[in-house]
Amino acid sequence: MKRAIFAIAAAGLLTTACASDPYGYGGTNETVRQGAAGAAIGAVAGAIIGNNVGDGSAGTGAAIGAAVGGAAGAIRGSNQDRANQRRNYDQQRGAYYYCYPEGDCYWEDGTRRNPPRY
């Protein structure tokens, strides 16, 4: 039982330690927040399931749960980030584009709208 609690605590620390905003906006980034939350929840659920099923390895279950939960949370957060971005319409091209706070803009297909600033 002590190994299971240790595995849960270690997985939670490892997943939340990497939860920072990689773009440096200083604001909330749903991809990072929900990815970390999903990883933490997945680690706990995986450790519980792993401890009670199969060979009884809570650590393996926590690692698998953290990976699956983190990926699911990051996908959900990425969709929310995209929905929260300002969506603009270019009448000349007849297409929508998104702009990030630092000024970089991208078409909906992912190509850059404006040239990079150096």
N, C-alpha and C. Protein backbone atom coordinates (compact mmCIF):
# COMPACT_ATOMS: atom_id res chain seq x y z
N MET A 1 0.82 -1.19 0.00
CA MET A 1 0.00 0.00 0.00
C MET A 1 0.86 1.26 0.00
N LYS A 2 1.99 1.20 0.73
CA LYS A 2 2.87 2.37 0.77
C LYS A 2 3.47 2.64 -0.61
N ARG A 3 3.75 1.57 -1.35
CA ARG A 3 4.30 1.75 -2.71
C ARG A 3 3.28 2.42 -3.61
N ALA A 4 2.00 2.08 -3.45
CA ALA A 4 0.95 2.67 -4.27
C ALA A 4 0.82 4.16 -3.98
N ILE A 5 0.84 4.53 -2.73
CA ILE A 5 0.74 5.95 -2.35
C ILE A 5 1.95 6.71 -2.86
N PHE A 6 3.13 6.11 -2.72
CA PHE A 6 4.33 6.75 -3.23
C PHE A 6 4.28 6.93 -4.75
N ALA A 7 3.79 5.92 -5.45
CA ALA A 7 3.69 6.00 -6.91
C ALA A 7 2.72 7.08 -7.33
N ILE A 8 1.61 7.20 -6.64
CA ILE A 8 0.63 8.24 -6.96
C ILE A 8 1.24 9.62 -6.71
N ALA A 9 1.88 9.80 -5.58
CA ALA A 9 2.49 11.09 -5.27
C ALA A 9 3.60 11.45 -6.26
N ALA A 10 4.42 10.49 -6.61
CA ALA A 10 5.52 10.75 -7.55
C ALA A 10 4.98 11.10 -8.93
N ALA A 11 3.98 10.38 -9.38
CA ALA A 11 3.40 10.66 -10.70
C ALA A 11 2.77 12.04 -10.71
N GLY A 12 2.09 12.39 -9.65
CA GLY A 12 1.48 13.72 -9.57
C GLY A 12 2.52 14.83 -9.58
N LEU A 13 3.59 14.65 -8.84
CA LEU A 13 4.66 15.65 -8.83
C LEU A 13 5.33 15.79 -10.19
N LEU A 14 5.59 14.67 -10.82
CA LEU A 14 6.25 14.71 -12.13
C LEU A 14 5.39 15.38 -13.18
N THR A 15 4.10 15.12 -13.17
CA THR A 15 3.24 15.70 -14.20
C THR A 15 2.98 17.17 -13.96
N THR A 16 2.82 17.59 -12.72
CA THR A 16 2.54 19.00 -12.47
C THR A 16 3.81 19.85 -12.50
N ALA A 17 4.97 19.25 -12.37
CA ALA A 17 6.22 20.01 -12.42
C ALA A 17 6.46 20.59 -13.81
N CYS A 18 5.93 19.95 -14.82
CA CYS A 18 6.12 20.41 -16.20
C CYS A 18 5.01 21.33 -16.67
N ALA A 19 4.09 21.68 -15.81
CA ALA A 19 2.94 22.49 -16.22
C ALA A 19 3.29 23.98 -16.19
N SER A 20 3.91 24.44 -17.25
CA SER A 20 4.20 25.86 -17.38
C SER A 20 3.76 26.31 -18.76
N ASP A 21 3.61 27.61 -18.94
CA ASP A 21 3.16 28.15 -20.21
C ASP A 21 4.36 28.23 -21.15
N PRO A 22 4.46 27.37 -22.16
CA PRO A 22 5.64 27.36 -23.01
C PRO A 22 5.76 28.59 -23.90
N TYR A 23 4.68 29.35 -24.03
CA TYR A 23 4.72 30.52 -24.90
C TYR A 23 5.04 31.79 -24.15
N GLY A 24 5.06 31.74 -22.83
CA GLY A 24 5.45 32.88 -22.03
C GLY A 24 4.44 34.01 -22.00
N TYR A 25 3.17 33.70 -22.22
CA TYR A 25 2.17 34.76 -22.20
C TYR A 25 1.89 35.26 -20.78
N GLY A 26 2.12 34.42 -19.82
CA GLY A 26 1.84 34.79 -18.45
C GLY A 26 0.37 34.63 -18.09
N GLY A 27 -0.47 34.36 -19.05
CA GLY A 27 -1.88 34.17 -18.81
C GLY A 27 -2.20 32.69 -18.70
N THR A 28 -3.47 32.40 -18.81
CA THR A 28 -3.88 31.01 -18.73
C THR A 28 -3.79 30.37 -20.10
N ASN A 29 -3.20 29.23 -20.15
CA ASN A 29 -3.10 28.45 -21.37
C ASN A 29 -3.81 27.14 -21.07
N GLU A 30 -4.97 26.95 -21.68
CA GLU A 30 -5.79 25.80 -21.37
C GLU A 30 -5.13 24.48 -21.75
N THR A 31 -4.31 24.48 -22.80
CA THR A 31 -3.63 23.26 -23.20
C THR A 31 -2.74 22.76 -22.07
N VAL A 32 -1.98 23.65 -21.48
CA VAL A 32 -1.07 23.28 -20.40
C VAL A 32 -1.84 22.92 -19.14
N ARG A 33 -2.81 23.76 -18.77
CA ARG A 33 -3.56 23.54 -17.54
C ARG A 33 -4.33 22.22 -17.59
N GLN A 34 -5.07 22.00 -18.67
CA GLN A 34 -5.88 20.79 -18.73
C GLN A 34 -5.04 19.55 -19.01
N GLY A 35 -3.92 19.73 -19.69
CA GLY A 35 -3.00 18.60 -19.86
C GLY A 35 -2.43 18.13 -18.54
N ALA A 36 -2.04 19.08 -17.69
CA ALA A 36 -1.51 18.73 -16.37
C ALA A 36 -2.59 18.12 -15.48
N ALA A 37 -3.78 18.69 -15.54
CA ALA A 37 -4.88 18.15 -14.73
C ALA A 37 -5.24 16.73 -15.20
N GLY A 38 -5.29 16.54 -16.51
CA GLY A 38 -5.59 15.21 -17.04
C GLY A 38 -4.53 14.20 -16.66
N ALA A 39 -3.27 14.62 -16.68
CA ALA A 39 -2.18 13.72 -16.31
C ALA A 39 -2.26 13.34 -14.83
N ALA A 40 -2.58 14.31 -14.00
CA ALA A 40 -2.68 14.03 -12.56
C ALA A 40 -3.85 13.10 -12.27
N ILE A 41 -5.00 13.38 -12.87
CA ILE A 41 -6.17 12.53 -12.66
C ILE A 41 -5.92 11.13 -13.23
N GLY A 42 -5.30 11.08 -14.42
CA GLY A 42 -4.99 9.79 -15.03
C GLY A 42 -4.00 8.99 -14.21
N ALA A 43 -3.03 9.67 -13.59
CA ALA A 43 -2.05 8.97 -12.76
C ALA A 43 -2.70 8.34 -11.54
N VAL A 44 -3.59 9.09 -10.91
CA VAL A 44 -4.28 8.56 -9.73
C VAL A 44 -5.17 7.37 -10.13
N ALA A 45 -5.97 7.56 -11.18
CA ALA A 45 -6.84 6.48 -11.63
C ALA A 45 -6.03 5.27 -12.09
N GLY A 46 -4.94 5.50 -12.82
CA GLY A 46 -4.10 4.41 -13.29
C GLY A 46 -3.44 3.65 -12.16
N ALA A 47 -3.02 4.38 -11.12
CA ALA A 47 -2.39 3.72 -9.97
C ALA A 47 -3.40 2.85 -9.22
N ILE A 48 -4.61 3.35 -9.08
CA ILE A 48 -5.65 2.57 -8.39
C ILE A 48 -5.98 1.32 -9.19
N ILE A 49 -6.19 1.50 -10.50
CA ILE A 49 -6.52 0.35 -11.35
C ILE A 49 -5.34 -0.61 -11.42
N GLY A 50 -4.12 -0.08 -11.61
CA GLY A 50 -2.94 -0.93 -11.71
C GLY A 50 -2.66 -1.72 -10.45
N ASN A 51 -3.00 -1.14 -9.30
CA ASN A 51 -2.78 -1.82 -8.03
C ASN A 51 -3.76 -2.99 -7.84
N ASN A 52 -4.94 -2.87 -8.44
CA ASN A 52 -5.98 -3.88 -8.22
C ASN A 52 -6.15 -4.87 -9.37
N VAL A 53 -5.49 -4.63 -10.49
CA VAL A 53 -5.67 -5.48 -11.67
C VAL A 53 -4.30 -5.95 -12.15
N GLY A 54 -4.26 -7.10 -12.76
CA GLY A 54 -3.02 -7.60 -13.36
C GLY A 54 -2.01 -7.98 -12.32
N ASP A 55 -0.75 -7.53 -12.52
CA ASP A 55 0.33 -7.91 -11.61
C ASP A 55 0.39 -7.03 -10.37
N GLY A 56 -0.53 -6.07 -10.21
CA GLY A 56 -0.57 -5.24 -9.02
C GLY A 56 0.45 -4.12 -9.01
N SER A 57 0.90 -3.69 -10.17
CA SER A 57 1.90 -2.63 -10.25
C SER A 57 1.23 -1.26 -10.35
N ALA A 58 1.21 -0.55 -9.23
CA ALA A 58 0.61 0.78 -9.20
C ALA A 58 1.44 1.77 -10.01
N GLY A 59 2.75 1.60 -10.00
CA GLY A 59 3.62 2.52 -10.73
C GLY A 59 3.40 2.46 -12.23
N THR A 60 3.28 1.25 -12.76
CA THR A 60 3.02 1.09 -14.19
C THR A 60 1.66 1.67 -14.56
N GLY A 61 0.66 1.40 -13.74
CA GLY A 61 -0.67 1.95 -13.98
C GLY A 61 -0.68 3.46 -13.92
N ALA A 62 0.07 4.03 -12.98
CA ALA A 62 0.14 5.49 -12.86
C ALA A 62 0.81 6.11 -14.08
N ALA A 63 1.86 5.47 -14.56
CA ALA A 63 2.55 6.00 -15.75
C ALA A 63 1.66 5.96 -16.98
N ILE A 64 0.97 4.86 -17.18
CA ILE A 64 0.07 4.73 -18.33
C ILE A 64 -1.09 5.71 -18.19
N GLY A 65 -1.66 5.79 -17.00
CA GLY A 65 -2.77 6.71 -16.76
C GLY A 65 -2.37 8.16 -16.95
N ALA A 66 -1.16 8.52 -16.52
CA ALA A 66 -0.68 9.89 -16.69
C ALA A 66 -0.50 10.23 -18.16
N ALA A 67 0.03 9.30 -18.92
CA ALA A 67 0.23 9.54 -20.35
C ALA A 67 -1.10 9.70 -21.09
N VAL A 68 -2.03 8.81 -20.82
CA VAL A 68 -3.33 8.88 -21.50
C VAL A 68 -4.11 10.10 -21.03
N GLY A 69 -4.14 10.34 -19.73
CA GLY A 69 -4.86 11.50 -19.20
C GLY A 69 -4.25 12.81 -19.65
N GLY A 70 -2.93 12.88 -19.69
CA GLY A 70 -2.26 14.09 -20.15
C GLY A 70 -2.56 14.39 -21.60
N ALA A 71 -2.54 13.36 -22.43
CA ALA A 71 -2.85 13.56 -23.86
C ALA A 71 -4.29 14.00 -24.05
N ALA A 72 -5.21 13.36 -23.35
CA ALA A 72 -6.63 13.72 -23.48
C ALA A 72 -6.87 15.15 -22.98
N GLY A 73 -6.25 15.51 -21.86
CA GLY A 73 -6.41 16.86 -21.34
C GLY A 73 -5.80 17.91 -22.26
N ALA A 74 -4.65 17.61 -22.84
CA ALA A 74 -4.00 18.56 -23.74
C ALA A 74 -4.83 18.76 -25.01
N ILE A 75 -5.42 17.70 -25.52
CA ILE A 75 -6.26 17.83 -26.72
C ILE A 75 -7.47 18.69 -26.40
N ARG A 76 -8.10 18.44 -25.27
CA ARG A 76 -9.27 19.23 -24.88
C ARG A 76 -8.88 20.69 -24.66
N GLY A 77 -7.77 20.93 -24.00
CA GLY A 77 -7.32 22.29 -23.75
C GLY A 77 -6.94 23.02 -25.03
N SER A 78 -6.32 22.30 -25.96
CA SER A 78 -5.96 22.90 -27.24
C SER A 78 -7.20 23.35 -28.00
N ASN A 79 -8.25 22.54 -27.96
CA ASN A 79 -9.50 22.95 -28.60
C ASN A 79 -10.09 24.19 -27.94
N GLN A 80 -9.98 24.29 -26.63
CA GLN A 80 -10.48 25.48 -25.94
C GLN A 80 -9.63 26.70 -26.24
N ASP A 81 -8.30 26.52 -26.32
CA ASP A 81 -7.43 27.65 -26.69
C ASP A 81 -7.79 28.19 -28.06
N ARG A 82 -8.02 27.31 -28.99
CA ARG A 82 -8.37 27.73 -30.34
C ARG A 82 -9.71 28.46 -30.35
N ALA A 83 -10.66 27.98 -29.56
CA ALA A 83 -11.97 28.62 -29.49
C ALA A 83 -11.87 30.00 -28.83
N ASN A 84 -10.91 30.18 -27.93
CA ASN A 84 -10.76 31.45 -27.23
C ASN A 84 -9.99 32.49 -28.04
N GLN A 85 -9.31 32.07 -29.08
CA GLN A 85 -8.56 33.02 -29.90
C GLN A 85 -9.52 33.88 -30.70
N ARG A 86 -9.03 35.04 -31.04
CA ARG A 86 -9.83 35.93 -31.86
C ARG A 86 -9.78 35.44 -33.31
N ARG A 87 -10.93 35.23 -33.88
CA ARG A 87 -11.03 34.73 -35.25
C ARG A 87 -11.41 35.89 -36.17
N ASN A 88 -10.60 36.09 -37.19
CA ASN A 88 -10.80 37.20 -38.13
C ASN A 88 -11.09 36.64 -39.52
N TYR A 89 -11.71 37.46 -40.34
CA TYR A 89 -12.04 37.05 -41.71
C TYR A 89 -11.35 37.97 -42.69
N ASP A 90 -10.62 37.40 -43.65
CA ASP A 90 -9.96 38.16 -44.70
C ASP A 90 -10.84 38.09 -45.95
N GLN A 91 -11.43 39.23 -46.34
CA GLN A 91 -12.36 39.24 -47.46
C GLN A 91 -11.66 38.98 -48.80
N GLN A 92 -10.42 39.45 -48.94
CA GLN A 92 -9.71 39.23 -50.20
C GLN A 92 -9.47 37.74 -50.46
N ARG A 93 -9.05 37.04 -49.43
CA ARG A 93 -8.77 35.62 -49.58
C ARG A 93 -10.01 34.75 -49.35
N GLY A 94 -10.98 35.30 -48.62
CA GLY A 94 -12.19 34.55 -48.32
C GLY A 94 -11.95 33.44 -47.31
N ALA A 95 -11.09 33.70 -46.32
CA ALA A 95 -10.75 32.68 -45.33
C ALA A 95 -10.57 33.31 -43.96
N TYR A 96 -10.71 32.49 -42.93
CA TYR A 96 -10.52 32.95 -41.56
C TYR A 96 -9.08 32.73 -41.12
N TYR A 97 -8.63 33.58 -40.17
CA TYR A 97 -7.31 33.43 -39.58
C TYR A 97 -7.37 33.78 -38.10
N TYR A 98 -6.36 33.29 -37.36
CA TYR A 98 -6.26 33.50 -35.92
C TYR A 98 -4.98 34.27 -35.63
N CYS A 99 -5.02 35.11 -34.60
CA CYS A 99 -3.84 35.85 -34.18
C CYS A 99 -3.52 35.56 -32.72
N TYR A 100 -2.24 35.39 -32.43
CA TYR A 100 -1.77 35.20 -31.06
C TYR A 100 -1.44 36.57 -30.47
N PRO A 101 -1.35 36.66 -29.14
CA PRO A 101 -1.12 37.96 -28.49
C PRO A 101 0.16 38.67 -28.94
N GLU A 102 1.21 37.93 -29.30
CA GLU A 102 2.45 38.59 -29.70
C GLU A 102 2.40 39.10 -31.14
N GLY A 103 1.31 38.83 -31.86
CA GLY A 103 1.13 39.38 -33.19
C GLY A 103 1.24 38.40 -34.34
N ASP A 104 1.62 37.16 -34.08
CA ASP A 104 1.72 36.18 -35.16
C ASP A 104 0.33 35.71 -35.54
N CYS A 105 0.05 35.70 -36.84
CA CYS A 105 -1.26 35.29 -37.33
C CYS A 105 -1.11 34.09 -38.26
N TYR A 106 -2.08 33.17 -38.21
CA TYR A 106 -2.06 31.96 -39.00
C TYR A 106 -3.44 31.72 -39.62
N TRP A 107 -3.42 31.20 -40.85
CA TRP A 107 -4.67 30.80 -41.49
C TRP A 107 -5.19 29.56 -40.79
N GLU A 108 -6.45 29.21 -41.04
CA GLU A 108 -7.04 28.05 -40.39
C GLU A 108 -6.33 26.74 -40.74
N ASP A 109 -5.67 26.68 -41.89
CA ASP A 109 -4.96 25.46 -42.27
C ASP A 109 -3.58 25.35 -41.62
N GLY A 110 -3.20 26.37 -40.82
CA GLY A 110 -1.94 26.32 -40.08
C GLY A 110 -0.80 27.08 -40.72
N THR A 111 -0.96 27.57 -41.95
CA THR A 111 0.12 28.33 -42.58
C THR A 111 0.15 29.75 -42.04
N ARG A 112 1.34 30.33 -42.03
CA ARG A 112 1.51 31.67 -41.48
C ARG A 112 0.89 32.71 -42.40
N ARG A 113 0.14 33.64 -41.81
CA ARG A 113 -0.50 34.70 -42.58
C ARG A 113 0.46 35.86 -42.82
N ASN A 114 1.17 36.26 -41.79
CA ASN A 114 2.09 37.39 -41.90
C ASN A 114 3.54 36.89 -41.80
N PRO A 115 4.45 37.60 -42.43
CA PRO A 115 5.87 37.16 -42.34
C PRO A 115 6.40 37.32 -40.92
N PRO A 116 7.35 36.49 -40.52
CA PRO A 116 7.90 36.61 -39.16
C PRO A 116 8.64 37.92 -38.97
N ARG A 117 8.53 38.45 -37.76
CA ARG A 117 9.25 39.69 -37.40
C ARG A 117 10.52 39.33 -36.66
N TYR A 118 11.63 39.91 -37.07
CA TYR A 118 12.92 39.62 -36.42
C TYR A 118 13.49 40.85 -35.78
